[in-house]
Amino acid sequence: METEGFPYDEIAEKFFSPIYPVIAEAILEKTGVGSGRLLDLGCGGGHLGFELLKRGNYSTAVFADANPEALKATERRGFERGFGSVMKTSLQDACALDLPEESFDLIVSRGSMPFWDDQIAAFSGIYDLLAPGGWAYIGGGLGNAQLGDEIKRAMAEARNATGGEGPRCFDRKNSKALADEEYRALFAHTDADLVIINNDDEGHWIILSKPTA
C-alpha cells in the first residue's frame, strides 16, 4: 500500500495476517501460475508475495512500492523468511512503471489499487509487463466474509480501547478505482481475458491474462 510513512505494516501484521494465505490460494487456483517471475506491486510489507513464494517455485520475485520504508520492511522480512536468494525490491510508482515489458508471469497487488491516481496508466503498464501467457490479479479484499467480519470486529475493539482512535478498513467510497465497465472498456481492444470479481465476500479484483504469442 503506497502511503506516507509506513503505519500499514503494523496493521497488516496485527489484523490482516490471516487473509494473505486465503488470497494466495485463490490466486493460485485461478491463475495456476506457481512458477516463473512474480511481481508484488504496491507490496507494502510483502505479505501477499511471501505467501505465494511459500506455495510456489518462482525463479524471481520483485516487490515494488512507492514507499521506501515499505521496501525496507519487505527486504528485512524476506531475508528473515529465507527468500533472500529470489527476491528483489524496486521503488516504483504504479502509475508510471519502469520495469521491462513482458517480464512477469504473475503480477499481484492487494490493497494498493484504490490509491492509484491514474488507473488507466497503471493497468496499461501492468498489462505491458505481463509475459505472454501471464496473469495479473489486482485489487483488494479481506479473504472472505467470515474473515472480514472478524477483522472488522478486532479493529473496532482496538478503537474502543483507545477512545475511537485506531485502525480502520479502507472505505470503498474513497477509492480511486474505476467502475467495472471502465476496466472492461480499457481492455476491449486487446486480446486479454478479463474477469472481474466484485462482491462482499471476496472483495474487488481485476483478473487479467495475456494470450500466448
N, C-alpha and C. Protein backbone atom coordinates (compact mmCIF):
# COMPACT_ATOMS: atom_id res chain seq x y z
N MET A 1 0.85 -1.17 0.00
CA MET A 1 0.00 0.00 0.00
C MET A 1 0.89 1.23 0.00
N GLU A 2 0.63 2.16 -0.86
CA GLU A 2 1.52 3.27 -1.06
C GLU A 2 1.01 4.48 -0.29
N THR A 3 1.52 4.68 0.93
CA THR A 3 1.07 5.75 1.79
C THR A 3 2.26 6.44 2.41
N GLU A 4 2.03 7.62 3.02
CA GLU A 4 3.09 8.33 3.71
C GLU A 4 3.50 7.53 4.95
N GLY A 5 4.83 7.47 5.20
CA GLY A 5 5.30 6.67 6.31
C GLY A 5 4.98 5.21 6.05
N PHE A 6 4.90 4.42 7.12
CA PHE A 6 4.54 3.02 6.90
C PHE A 6 3.75 2.45 8.06
N PRO A 7 2.67 3.09 8.48
CA PRO A 7 1.85 2.54 9.56
C PRO A 7 1.12 1.27 9.13
N TYR A 8 0.96 1.07 7.82
CA TYR A 8 0.19 -0.07 7.34
C TYR A 8 0.83 -1.40 7.76
N ASP A 9 2.16 -1.45 7.87
CA ASP A 9 2.80 -2.72 8.16
C ASP A 9 2.36 -3.27 9.51
N GLU A 10 2.25 -2.41 10.49
CA GLU A 10 1.79 -2.85 11.81
C GLU A 10 0.36 -3.36 11.76
N ILE A 11 -0.49 -2.66 10.98
CA ILE A 11 -1.88 -3.09 10.84
C ILE A 11 -1.94 -4.44 10.13
N ALA A 12 -1.13 -4.57 9.07
CA ALA A 12 -1.12 -5.83 8.32
C ALA A 12 -0.69 -6.99 9.20
N GLU A 13 0.31 -6.77 10.03
CA GLU A 13 0.80 -7.83 10.91
C GLU A 13 -0.22 -8.19 11.98
N LYS A 14 -0.84 -7.17 12.56
CA LYS A 14 -1.71 -7.40 13.72
C LYS A 14 -3.10 -7.87 13.33
N PHE A 15 -3.64 -7.33 12.24
CA PHE A 15 -5.05 -7.60 11.91
C PHE A 15 -5.23 -8.40 10.61
N PHE A 16 -4.42 -8.14 9.59
CA PHE A 16 -4.67 -8.71 8.28
C PHE A 16 -3.94 -10.02 8.00
N SER A 17 -3.07 -10.44 8.89
CA SER A 17 -2.25 -11.62 8.59
C SER A 17 -3.05 -12.86 8.18
N PRO A 18 -4.27 -13.10 8.69
CA PRO A 18 -4.99 -14.31 8.27
C PRO A 18 -5.49 -14.28 6.82
N ILE A 19 -5.56 -13.09 6.22
CA ILE A 19 -6.17 -13.03 4.88
C ILE A 19 -5.21 -13.41 3.77
N TYR A 20 -3.91 -13.24 3.98
CA TYR A 20 -2.97 -13.43 2.88
C TYR A 20 -2.88 -14.88 2.41
N PRO A 21 -2.88 -15.88 3.31
CA PRO A 21 -2.92 -17.25 2.80
C PRO A 21 -4.17 -17.55 1.99
N VAL A 22 -5.31 -17.01 2.41
CA VAL A 22 -6.56 -17.25 1.69
C VAL A 22 -6.50 -16.64 0.29
N ILE A 23 -6.01 -15.41 0.20
CA ILE A 23 -5.91 -14.74 -1.10
C ILE A 23 -4.88 -15.42 -1.98
N ALA A 24 -3.75 -15.83 -1.40
CA ALA A 24 -2.74 -16.53 -2.19
C ALA A 24 -3.29 -17.81 -2.79
N GLU A 25 -4.04 -18.57 -2.01
CA GLU A 25 -4.64 -19.80 -2.52
C GLU A 25 -5.62 -19.50 -3.65
N ALA A 26 -6.40 -18.44 -3.50
CA ALA A 26 -7.35 -18.06 -4.56
C ALA A 26 -6.62 -17.68 -5.83
N ILE A 27 -5.51 -16.95 -5.70
CA ILE A 27 -4.73 -16.56 -6.87
C ILE A 27 -4.19 -17.78 -7.59
N LEU A 28 -3.61 -18.70 -6.85
CA LEU A 28 -3.04 -19.89 -7.47
C LEU A 28 -4.11 -20.77 -8.10
N GLU A 29 -5.26 -20.86 -7.45
CA GLU A 29 -6.35 -21.66 -8.01
C GLU A 29 -6.85 -21.06 -9.32
N LYS A 30 -6.96 -19.73 -9.37
CA LYS A 30 -7.49 -19.07 -10.57
C LYS A 30 -6.47 -19.05 -11.70
N THR A 31 -5.21 -18.72 -11.39
CA THR A 31 -4.22 -18.50 -12.44
C THR A 31 -3.39 -19.73 -12.76
N GLY A 32 -3.17 -20.58 -11.78
CA GLY A 32 -2.31 -21.74 -11.99
C GLY A 32 -0.84 -21.39 -12.15
N VAL A 33 -0.46 -20.15 -11.83
CA VAL A 33 0.93 -19.72 -12.02
C VAL A 33 1.68 -19.85 -10.70
N GLY A 34 2.36 -20.96 -10.54
CA GLY A 34 3.13 -21.21 -9.32
C GLY A 34 4.62 -21.18 -9.54
N SER A 35 5.05 -20.74 -10.73
CA SER A 35 6.48 -20.67 -11.03
C SER A 35 6.71 -19.50 -11.99
N GLY A 36 7.96 -19.28 -12.32
CA GLY A 36 8.30 -18.18 -13.21
C GLY A 36 8.66 -16.92 -12.44
N ARG A 37 8.25 -15.77 -12.98
CA ARG A 37 8.65 -14.48 -12.42
C ARG A 37 7.43 -13.78 -11.83
N LEU A 38 7.56 -13.40 -10.56
CA LEU A 38 6.46 -12.83 -9.78
C LEU A 38 6.73 -11.37 -9.48
N LEU A 39 5.69 -10.53 -9.58
CA LEU A 39 5.75 -9.14 -9.16
C LEU A 39 4.63 -8.88 -8.17
N ASP A 40 4.98 -8.40 -6.97
CA ASP A 40 4.00 -7.93 -5.99
C ASP A 40 4.07 -6.40 -6.02
N LEU A 41 3.06 -5.79 -6.62
CA LEU A 41 3.04 -4.35 -6.88
C LEU A 41 2.28 -3.62 -5.78
N GLY A 42 2.86 -2.52 -5.27
CA GLY A 42 2.27 -1.88 -4.11
C GLY A 42 2.32 -2.84 -2.94
N CYS A 43 3.50 -3.43 -2.74
CA CYS A 43 3.64 -4.63 -1.91
C CYS A 43 3.47 -4.36 -0.42
N GLY A 44 3.58 -3.09 0.00
CA GLY A 44 3.57 -2.86 1.44
C GLY A 44 4.68 -3.65 2.10
N GLY A 45 4.36 -4.44 3.09
CA GLY A 45 5.35 -5.26 3.77
C GLY A 45 5.62 -6.59 3.10
N GLY A 46 5.05 -6.81 1.93
CA GLY A 46 5.34 -8.01 1.15
C GLY A 46 4.55 -9.24 1.54
N HIS A 47 3.50 -9.07 2.32
CA HIS A 47 2.81 -10.23 2.90
C HIS A 47 2.23 -11.17 1.84
N LEU A 48 1.57 -10.61 0.83
CA LEU A 48 0.95 -11.48 -0.18
C LEU A 48 2.01 -12.18 -1.02
N GLY A 49 3.03 -11.44 -1.43
CA GLY A 49 4.10 -12.05 -2.21
C GLY A 49 4.77 -13.19 -1.48
N PHE A 50 4.99 -13.03 -0.18
CA PHE A 50 5.65 -14.09 0.58
C PHE A 50 4.77 -15.33 0.70
N GLU A 51 3.47 -15.14 0.82
CA GLU A 51 2.58 -16.30 0.85
C GLU A 51 2.63 -17.07 -0.47
N LEU A 52 2.76 -16.34 -1.57
CA LEU A 52 2.89 -17.02 -2.87
C LEU A 52 4.24 -17.73 -2.98
N LEU A 53 5.29 -17.10 -2.48
CA LEU A 53 6.61 -17.75 -2.51
C LEU A 53 6.60 -19.04 -1.68
N LYS A 54 5.87 -19.05 -0.57
CA LYS A 54 5.78 -20.26 0.25
C LYS A 54 5.13 -21.40 -0.50
N ARG A 55 4.22 -21.06 -1.41
CA ARG A 55 3.41 -22.08 -2.08
C ARG A 55 3.92 -22.42 -3.49
N GLY A 56 4.78 -21.59 -4.04
CA GLY A 56 5.20 -21.79 -5.42
C GLY A 56 6.69 -22.04 -5.54
N ASN A 57 7.16 -21.98 -6.77
CA ASN A 57 8.57 -22.21 -7.08
C ASN A 57 9.02 -21.15 -8.08
N TYR A 58 8.93 -19.89 -7.66
CA TYR A 58 9.23 -18.78 -8.55
C TYR A 58 10.74 -18.57 -8.64
N SER A 59 11.19 -18.27 -9.85
CA SER A 59 12.62 -18.03 -10.06
C SER A 59 13.04 -16.66 -9.56
N THR A 60 12.12 -15.69 -9.65
CA THR A 60 12.38 -14.32 -9.21
C THR A 60 11.09 -13.74 -8.65
N ALA A 61 11.21 -12.97 -7.59
CA ALA A 61 10.06 -12.26 -7.03
C ALA A 61 10.47 -10.81 -6.79
N VAL A 62 9.84 -9.89 -7.51
CA VAL A 62 10.11 -8.47 -7.35
C VAL A 62 9.00 -7.86 -6.48
N PHE A 63 9.39 -7.18 -5.43
CA PHE A 63 8.46 -6.49 -4.54
C PHE A 63 8.61 -4.99 -4.81
N ALA A 64 7.56 -4.36 -5.32
CA ALA A 64 7.63 -2.97 -5.75
C ALA A 64 6.66 -2.11 -4.96
N ASP A 65 7.11 -0.93 -4.58
CA ASP A 65 6.25 0.00 -3.86
C ASP A 65 6.83 1.40 -4.04
N ALA A 66 5.98 2.41 -3.88
CA ALA A 66 6.42 3.80 -3.96
C ALA A 66 6.99 4.30 -2.65
N ASN A 67 6.86 3.52 -1.60
CA ASN A 67 7.29 3.92 -0.26
C ASN A 67 8.59 3.20 0.10
N PRO A 68 9.71 3.93 0.23
CA PRO A 68 10.97 3.27 0.57
C PRO A 68 10.91 2.52 1.90
N GLU A 69 10.13 3.01 2.86
CA GLU A 69 10.04 2.33 4.15
C GLU A 69 9.37 0.96 3.99
N ALA A 70 8.41 0.88 3.09
CA ALA A 70 7.78 -0.41 2.81
C ALA A 70 8.80 -1.40 2.27
N LEU A 71 9.64 -0.93 1.37
CA LEU A 71 10.63 -1.82 0.77
C LEU A 71 11.67 -2.27 1.80
N LYS A 72 12.04 -1.40 2.72
CA LYS A 72 12.96 -1.80 3.79
C LYS A 72 12.35 -2.90 4.64
N ALA A 73 11.07 -2.73 4.99
CA ALA A 73 10.40 -3.75 5.80
C ALA A 73 10.27 -5.06 5.03
N THR A 74 9.98 -4.97 3.75
CA THR A 74 9.85 -6.16 2.92
C THR A 74 11.17 -6.90 2.81
N GLU A 75 12.22 -6.15 2.57
CA GLU A 75 13.53 -6.78 2.43
C GLU A 75 13.94 -7.48 3.72
N ARG A 76 13.74 -6.82 4.84
CA ARG A 76 14.07 -7.42 6.14
C ARG A 76 13.26 -8.69 6.36
N ARG A 77 11.96 -8.62 6.08
CA ARG A 77 11.08 -9.77 6.29
C ARG A 77 11.45 -10.91 5.36
N GLY A 78 11.79 -10.58 4.12
CA GLY A 78 12.14 -11.61 3.15
C GLY A 78 13.37 -12.39 3.55
N PHE A 79 14.41 -11.71 4.05
CA PHE A 79 15.61 -12.41 4.49
C PHE A 79 15.32 -13.24 5.73
N GLU A 80 14.48 -12.72 6.61
CA GLU A 80 14.12 -13.48 7.81
C GLU A 80 13.40 -14.77 7.45
N ARG A 81 12.64 -14.75 6.36
CA ARG A 81 11.85 -15.91 5.97
C ARG A 81 12.56 -16.81 4.95
N GLY A 82 13.80 -16.47 4.63
CA GLY A 82 14.59 -17.34 3.76
C GLY A 82 14.39 -17.13 2.28
N PHE A 83 13.85 -15.97 1.87
CA PHE A 83 13.59 -15.73 0.45
C PHE A 83 14.61 -14.78 -0.18
N GLY A 84 15.71 -14.51 0.52
CA GLY A 84 16.67 -13.54 0.04
C GLY A 84 17.27 -13.86 -1.31
N SER A 85 17.36 -15.15 -1.65
CA SER A 85 18.02 -15.52 -2.90
C SER A 85 17.16 -15.27 -4.13
N VAL A 86 15.84 -15.17 -3.95
CA VAL A 86 14.97 -14.99 -5.12
C VAL A 86 14.30 -13.62 -5.17
N MET A 87 14.32 -12.87 -4.05
CA MET A 87 13.56 -11.63 -4.00
C MET A 87 14.42 -10.42 -4.35
N LYS A 88 13.75 -9.43 -4.94
CA LYS A 88 14.34 -8.13 -5.18
C LYS A 88 13.30 -7.08 -4.81
N THR A 89 13.76 -5.89 -4.44
CA THR A 89 12.83 -4.79 -4.20
C THR A 89 13.07 -3.71 -5.24
N SER A 90 12.01 -2.97 -5.55
CA SER A 90 12.09 -1.95 -6.58
C SER A 90 11.19 -0.78 -6.22
N LEU A 91 11.73 0.43 -6.20
CA LEU A 91 10.96 1.64 -5.93
C LEU A 91 10.19 2.00 -7.19
N GLN A 92 8.87 1.91 -7.15
CA GLN A 92 8.05 2.08 -8.35
C GLN A 92 6.78 2.86 -8.04
N ASP A 93 6.41 3.73 -8.96
CA ASP A 93 5.10 4.36 -8.97
C ASP A 93 4.21 3.49 -9.86
N ALA A 94 3.13 2.97 -9.31
CA ALA A 94 2.27 2.07 -10.08
C ALA A 94 1.70 2.73 -11.32
N CYS A 95 1.61 4.05 -11.33
CA CYS A 95 1.05 4.77 -12.48
C CYS A 95 2.11 5.13 -13.51
N ALA A 96 3.37 4.82 -13.24
CA ALA A 96 4.46 5.10 -14.18
C ALA A 96 5.53 4.02 -14.01
N LEU A 97 5.17 2.81 -14.31
CA LEU A 97 6.04 1.67 -14.05
C LEU A 97 7.28 1.70 -14.92
N ASP A 98 8.40 1.44 -14.32
CA ASP A 98 9.68 1.45 -15.01
C ASP A 98 10.35 0.09 -14.83
N LEU A 99 9.78 -0.90 -15.49
CA LEU A 99 10.28 -2.27 -15.47
C LEU A 99 10.20 -2.83 -16.89
N PRO A 100 10.99 -3.84 -17.21
CA PRO A 100 10.99 -4.36 -18.58
C PRO A 100 9.63 -4.93 -18.98
N GLU A 101 9.22 -4.65 -20.20
CA GLU A 101 7.96 -5.19 -20.70
C GLU A 101 8.04 -6.71 -20.83
N GLU A 102 6.88 -7.34 -20.68
CA GLU A 102 6.73 -8.79 -20.82
C GLU A 102 7.72 -9.56 -19.95
N SER A 103 7.90 -9.08 -18.71
CA SER A 103 8.92 -9.67 -17.85
C SER A 103 8.37 -10.45 -16.66
N PHE A 104 7.03 -10.56 -16.53
CA PHE A 104 6.47 -11.25 -15.37
C PHE A 104 5.38 -12.23 -15.79
N ASP A 105 5.41 -13.39 -15.13
CA ASP A 105 4.40 -14.42 -15.37
C ASP A 105 3.19 -14.23 -14.47
N LEU A 106 3.39 -13.59 -13.32
CA LEU A 106 2.29 -13.32 -12.40
C LEU A 106 2.53 -11.97 -11.73
N ILE A 107 1.53 -11.09 -11.80
CA ILE A 107 1.57 -9.81 -11.12
C ILE A 107 0.40 -9.76 -10.16
N VAL A 108 0.69 -9.47 -8.90
CA VAL A 108 -0.37 -9.39 -7.89
C VAL A 108 -0.29 -8.05 -7.17
N SER A 109 -1.42 -7.63 -6.66
CA SER A 109 -1.45 -6.42 -5.83
C SER A 109 -2.70 -6.47 -4.99
N ARG A 110 -2.51 -6.37 -3.68
CA ARG A 110 -3.66 -6.36 -2.77
C ARG A 110 -3.62 -5.09 -1.92
N GLY A 111 -4.67 -4.27 -2.04
CA GLY A 111 -4.82 -3.12 -1.18
C GLY A 111 -4.19 -1.84 -1.68
N SER A 112 -3.47 -1.88 -2.79
CA SER A 112 -2.81 -0.69 -3.32
C SER A 112 -3.64 0.01 -4.39
N MET A 113 -4.35 -0.75 -5.21
CA MET A 113 -5.08 -0.21 -6.35
C MET A 113 -5.99 0.97 -6.02
N PRO A 114 -6.73 0.96 -4.91
CA PRO A 114 -7.65 2.08 -4.65
C PRO A 114 -6.96 3.43 -4.49
N PHE A 115 -5.63 3.42 -4.31
CA PHE A 115 -4.89 4.65 -4.11
C PHE A 115 -4.23 5.16 -5.40
N TRP A 116 -4.29 4.40 -6.47
CA TRP A 116 -3.61 4.80 -7.70
C TRP A 116 -4.37 5.94 -8.37
N ASP A 117 -3.69 7.05 -8.60
CA ASP A 117 -4.34 8.24 -9.16
C ASP A 117 -4.75 8.05 -10.61
N ASP A 118 -3.96 7.31 -11.37
CA ASP A 118 -4.24 7.13 -12.81
C ASP A 118 -4.41 5.63 -13.07
N GLN A 119 -5.65 5.18 -12.94
CA GLN A 119 -5.93 3.76 -13.10
C GLN A 119 -5.62 3.26 -14.51
N ILE A 120 -5.90 4.08 -15.50
CA ILE A 120 -5.66 3.66 -16.89
C ILE A 120 -4.18 3.45 -17.12
N ALA A 121 -3.35 4.41 -16.67
CA ALA A 121 -1.90 4.26 -16.83
C ALA A 121 -1.39 3.05 -16.07
N ALA A 122 -1.90 2.84 -14.86
CA ALA A 122 -1.43 1.72 -14.05
C ALA A 122 -1.77 0.38 -14.70
N PHE A 123 -3.01 0.21 -15.12
CA PHE A 123 -3.40 -1.08 -15.69
C PHE A 123 -2.80 -1.30 -17.07
N SER A 124 -2.63 -0.23 -17.83
CA SER A 124 -1.95 -0.37 -19.12
C SER A 124 -0.51 -0.82 -18.89
N GLY A 125 0.15 -0.23 -17.88
CA GLY A 125 1.51 -0.63 -17.57
C GLY A 125 1.61 -2.06 -17.08
N ILE A 126 0.66 -2.46 -16.26
CA ILE A 126 0.64 -3.84 -15.76
C ILE A 126 0.50 -4.82 -16.92
N TYR A 127 -0.39 -4.51 -17.85
CA TYR A 127 -0.58 -5.42 -18.98
C TYR A 127 0.68 -5.50 -19.83
N ASP A 128 1.37 -4.37 -19.99
CA ASP A 128 2.62 -4.38 -20.75
C ASP A 128 3.68 -5.24 -20.08
N LEU A 129 3.67 -5.30 -18.75
CA LEU A 129 4.67 -6.07 -18.02
C LEU A 129 4.42 -7.57 -18.06
N LEU A 130 3.20 -7.98 -18.38
CA LEU A 130 2.89 -9.41 -18.41
C LEU A 130 3.57 -10.09 -19.59
N ALA A 131 4.22 -11.20 -19.31
CA ALA A 131 4.73 -12.05 -20.38
C ALA A 131 3.56 -12.74 -21.07
N PRO A 132 3.72 -13.15 -22.33
CA PRO A 132 2.67 -13.94 -22.96
C PRO A 132 2.31 -15.15 -22.11
N GLY A 133 1.01 -15.33 -21.89
CA GLY A 133 0.55 -16.39 -21.01
C GLY A 133 0.51 -16.00 -19.55
N GLY A 134 0.91 -14.76 -19.24
CA GLY A 134 0.97 -14.30 -17.86
C GLY A 134 -0.37 -13.83 -17.34
N TRP A 135 -0.45 -13.71 -16.02
CA TRP A 135 -1.68 -13.32 -15.34
C TRP A 135 -1.42 -12.17 -14.38
N ALA A 136 -2.42 -11.32 -14.21
CA ALA A 136 -2.41 -10.29 -13.18
C ALA A 136 -3.66 -10.45 -12.31
N TYR A 137 -3.48 -10.27 -11.01
CA TYR A 137 -4.57 -10.42 -10.04
C TYR A 137 -4.48 -9.21 -9.12
N ILE A 138 -5.29 -8.19 -9.41
CA ILE A 138 -5.12 -6.87 -8.82
C ILE A 138 -6.41 -6.44 -8.12
N GLY A 139 -6.30 -5.96 -6.88
CA GLY A 139 -7.49 -5.45 -6.22
C GLY A 139 -7.36 -5.43 -4.72
N GLY A 140 -8.43 -5.83 -4.06
CA GLY A 140 -8.44 -5.81 -2.61
C GLY A 140 -9.59 -6.61 -2.04
N GLY A 141 -9.40 -7.08 -0.84
CA GLY A 141 -10.44 -7.84 -0.16
C GLY A 141 -9.89 -8.38 1.14
N LEU A 142 -10.76 -8.95 1.95
CA LEU A 142 -10.37 -9.48 3.26
C LEU A 142 -10.45 -11.00 3.30
N GLY A 143 -10.27 -11.62 2.16
CA GLY A 143 -10.21 -13.08 2.10
C GLY A 143 -11.56 -13.71 1.87
N ASN A 144 -12.46 -13.53 2.82
CA ASN A 144 -13.84 -13.99 2.69
C ASN A 144 -14.68 -13.25 3.72
N ALA A 145 -15.97 -13.44 3.67
CA ALA A 145 -16.87 -12.67 4.53
C ALA A 145 -16.62 -12.94 6.01
N GLN A 146 -16.37 -14.19 6.37
CA GLN A 146 -16.15 -14.52 7.77
C GLN A 146 -14.89 -13.84 8.30
N LEU A 147 -13.79 -13.94 7.54
CA LEU A 147 -12.56 -13.29 7.96
C LEU A 147 -12.75 -11.77 8.04
N GLY A 148 -13.46 -11.24 7.05
CA GLY A 148 -13.70 -9.80 7.05
C GLY A 148 -14.43 -9.34 8.29
N ASP A 149 -15.44 -10.08 8.68
CA ASP A 149 -16.20 -9.72 9.88
C ASP A 149 -15.32 -9.80 11.13
N GLU A 150 -14.48 -10.83 11.19
CA GLU A 150 -13.60 -10.98 12.35
C GLU A 150 -12.60 -9.83 12.44
N ILE A 151 -12.05 -9.43 11.29
CA ILE A 151 -11.07 -8.34 11.27
C ILE A 151 -11.73 -7.02 11.65
N LYS A 152 -12.90 -6.78 11.12
CA LYS A 152 -13.61 -5.53 11.45
C LYS A 152 -13.95 -5.46 12.94
N ARG A 153 -14.33 -6.61 13.52
CA ARG A 153 -14.62 -6.63 14.96
C ARG A 153 -13.36 -6.34 15.76
N ALA A 154 -12.25 -6.97 15.37
CA ALA A 154 -11.00 -6.76 16.09
C ALA A 154 -10.55 -5.30 16.00
N MET A 155 -10.73 -4.70 14.83
CA MET A 155 -10.36 -3.29 14.67
C MET A 155 -11.27 -2.39 15.51
N ALA A 156 -12.55 -2.71 15.54
CA ALA A 156 -13.49 -1.92 16.35
C ALA A 156 -13.14 -2.01 17.82
N GLU A 157 -12.76 -3.20 18.29
CA GLU A 157 -12.36 -3.36 19.68
C GLU A 157 -11.10 -2.56 20.00
N ALA A 158 -10.17 -2.54 19.03
CA ALA A 158 -8.94 -1.76 19.24
C ALA A 158 -9.25 -0.27 19.31
N ARG A 159 -10.17 0.19 18.49
CA ARG A 159 -10.55 1.61 18.53
C ARG A 159 -11.27 1.95 19.83
N ASN A 160 -12.14 1.06 20.25
CA ASN A 160 -12.88 1.30 21.51
C ASN A 160 -11.93 1.40 22.69
N ALA A 161 -10.86 0.62 22.64
CA ALA A 161 -9.90 0.63 23.74
C ALA A 161 -9.06 1.90 23.79
N THR A 162 -9.08 2.65 22.68
CA THR A 162 -8.27 3.89 22.62
C THR A 162 -9.15 5.11 22.40
N GLY A 163 -10.42 5.01 22.78
CA GLY A 163 -11.30 6.17 22.66
C GLY A 163 -11.68 6.54 21.25
N GLY A 164 -11.70 5.55 20.35
CA GLY A 164 -12.13 5.81 18.97
C GLY A 164 -11.01 5.98 17.98
N GLU A 165 -9.77 6.09 18.46
CA GLU A 165 -8.63 6.19 17.56
C GLU A 165 -8.10 4.80 17.24
N GLY A 166 -7.62 4.64 16.02
CA GLY A 166 -7.03 3.36 15.69
C GLY A 166 -7.32 2.91 14.28
N PRO A 167 -7.01 1.66 13.96
CA PRO A 167 -7.06 1.17 12.58
C PRO A 167 -8.49 1.01 12.08
N ARG A 168 -8.65 1.25 10.80
CA ARG A 168 -9.93 1.05 10.12
C ARG A 168 -9.69 0.39 8.78
N CYS A 169 -10.65 -0.38 8.31
CA CYS A 169 -10.58 -0.90 6.96
C CYS A 169 -10.82 0.24 5.97
N PHE A 170 -10.22 0.10 4.80
CA PHE A 170 -10.37 1.15 3.79
C PHE A 170 -11.84 1.28 3.37
N ASP A 171 -12.30 2.51 3.29
CA ASP A 171 -13.67 2.80 2.88
C ASP A 171 -13.72 2.87 1.35
N ARG A 172 -14.49 1.96 0.74
CA ARG A 172 -14.55 1.92 -0.73
C ARG A 172 -15.03 3.23 -1.33
N LYS A 173 -15.76 4.03 -0.55
CA LYS A 173 -16.25 5.31 -1.08
C LYS A 173 -15.10 6.24 -1.42
N ASN A 174 -13.94 6.03 -0.81
CA ASN A 174 -12.78 6.87 -1.06
C ASN A 174 -11.84 6.28 -2.10
N SER A 175 -12.24 5.17 -2.70
CA SER A 175 -11.38 4.50 -3.67
C SER A 175 -11.28 5.30 -4.97
N LYS A 176 -10.10 5.23 -5.58
CA LYS A 176 -9.89 5.85 -6.89
C LYS A 176 -10.08 4.84 -8.02
N ALA A 177 -10.57 3.66 -7.69
CA ALA A 177 -10.83 2.65 -8.70
C ALA A 177 -11.91 3.12 -9.67
N LEU A 178 -11.84 2.61 -10.89
CA LEU A 178 -12.83 2.90 -11.90
C LEU A 178 -14.05 2.01 -11.71
N ALA A 179 -15.12 2.35 -12.40
CA ALA A 179 -16.26 1.44 -12.49
C ALA A 179 -15.82 0.21 -13.29
N ASP A 180 -16.42 -0.93 -12.99
CA ASP A 180 -16.02 -2.16 -13.67
C ASP A 180 -16.16 -2.04 -15.19
N GLU A 181 -17.18 -1.33 -15.66
CA GLU A 181 -17.37 -1.15 -17.10
C GLU A 181 -16.19 -0.42 -17.72
N GLU A 182 -15.56 0.47 -16.96
CA GLU A 182 -14.42 1.20 -17.49
C GLU A 182 -13.20 0.30 -17.62
N TYR A 183 -13.02 -0.65 -16.70
CA TYR A 183 -11.93 -1.61 -16.86
C TYR A 183 -12.18 -2.50 -18.07
N ARG A 184 -13.42 -2.89 -18.26
CA ARG A 184 -13.72 -3.72 -19.44
C ARG A 184 -13.45 -2.95 -20.72
N ALA A 185 -13.80 -1.68 -20.74
CA ALA A 185 -13.56 -0.85 -21.93
C ALA A 185 -12.07 -0.67 -22.18
N LEU A 186 -11.30 -0.58 -21.11
CA LEU A 186 -9.86 -0.39 -21.25
C LEU A 186 -9.21 -1.54 -21.99
N PHE A 187 -9.70 -2.76 -21.77
CA PHE A 187 -9.08 -3.93 -22.38
C PHE A 187 -9.89 -4.49 -23.55
N ALA A 188 -10.94 -3.79 -23.94
CA ALA A 188 -11.79 -4.30 -25.02
C ALA A 188 -11.03 -4.41 -26.34
N HIS A 189 -10.02 -3.55 -26.54
CA HIS A 189 -9.30 -3.55 -27.81
C HIS A 189 -8.13 -4.53 -27.81
N THR A 190 -7.93 -5.24 -26.70
CA THR A 190 -6.83 -6.19 -26.60
C THR A 190 -7.37 -7.61 -26.67
N ASP A 191 -6.45 -8.57 -26.67
CA ASP A 191 -6.84 -9.98 -26.63
C ASP A 191 -6.87 -10.51 -25.20
N ALA A 192 -6.83 -9.60 -24.23
CA ALA A 192 -6.79 -10.01 -22.83
C ALA A 192 -8.05 -10.75 -22.44
N ASP A 193 -7.88 -11.75 -21.60
CA ASP A 193 -9.00 -12.42 -20.95
C ASP A 193 -9.20 -11.72 -19.61
N LEU A 194 -10.35 -11.08 -19.42
CA LEU A 194 -10.60 -10.26 -18.24
C LEU A 194 -11.76 -10.83 -17.43
N VAL A 195 -11.52 -11.00 -16.13
CA VAL A 195 -12.55 -11.41 -15.19
C VAL A 195 -12.54 -10.40 -14.04
N ILE A 196 -13.72 -9.94 -13.65
CA ILE A 196 -13.82 -9.00 -12.54
C ILE A 196 -14.65 -9.63 -11.42
N ILE A 197 -14.08 -9.67 -10.24
CA ILE A 197 -14.79 -10.11 -9.05
C ILE A 197 -15.12 -8.86 -8.24
N ASN A 198 -16.37 -8.72 -7.85
CA ASN A 198 -16.76 -7.54 -7.08
C ASN A 198 -17.95 -7.93 -6.20
N ASN A 199 -17.66 -8.42 -5.01
CA ASN A 199 -18.73 -8.81 -4.10
C ASN A 199 -18.26 -8.66 -2.66
N ASP A 200 -19.18 -8.75 -1.73
CA ASP A 200 -18.87 -8.53 -0.32
C ASP A 200 -18.06 -9.67 0.28
N ASP A 201 -18.05 -10.83 -0.38
CA ASP A 201 -17.32 -11.97 0.16
C ASP A 201 -15.84 -11.88 -0.20
N GLU A 202 -15.54 -11.85 -1.49
CA GLU A 202 -14.14 -11.89 -1.93
C GLU A 202 -13.50 -10.51 -2.05
N GLY A 203 -14.30 -9.47 -2.29
CA GLY A 203 -13.75 -8.14 -2.48
C GLY A 203 -13.84 -7.71 -3.94
N HIS A 204 -12.92 -6.87 -4.35
CA HIS A 204 -12.91 -6.33 -5.72
C HIS A 204 -11.58 -6.66 -6.36
N TRP A 205 -11.61 -7.48 -7.40
CA TRP A 205 -10.39 -7.93 -8.07
C TRP A 205 -10.54 -7.82 -9.58
N ILE A 206 -9.50 -7.30 -10.21
CA ILE A 206 -9.39 -7.27 -11.67
C ILE A 206 -8.39 -8.36 -12.03
N ILE A 207 -8.84 -9.36 -12.77
CA ILE A 207 -8.01 -10.52 -13.10
C ILE A 207 -7.82 -10.55 -14.60
N LEU A 208 -6.55 -10.48 -15.02
CA LEU A 208 -6.20 -10.39 -16.44
C LEU A 208 -5.28 -11.54 -16.83
N SER A 209 -5.44 -12.03 -18.03
CA SER A 209 -4.44 -12.92 -18.59
C SER A 209 -4.11 -12.46 -20.00
N LYS A 210 -2.83 -12.55 -20.33
CA LYS A 210 -2.36 -12.16 -21.66
C LYS A 210 -2.19 -13.43 -22.49
N PRO A 211 -2.75 -13.46 -23.69
CA PRO A 211 -2.62 -14.68 -24.50
C PRO A 211 -1.18 -14.94 -24.88
N THR A 212 -0.87 -16.20 -25.14
CA THR A 212 0.45 -16.55 -25.62
C THR A 212 0.64 -16.03 -27.02
N ALA A 213 1.87 -15.79 -27.38
CA ALA A 213 2.18 -15.24 -28.71
C ALA A 213 1.84 -16.26 -29.80
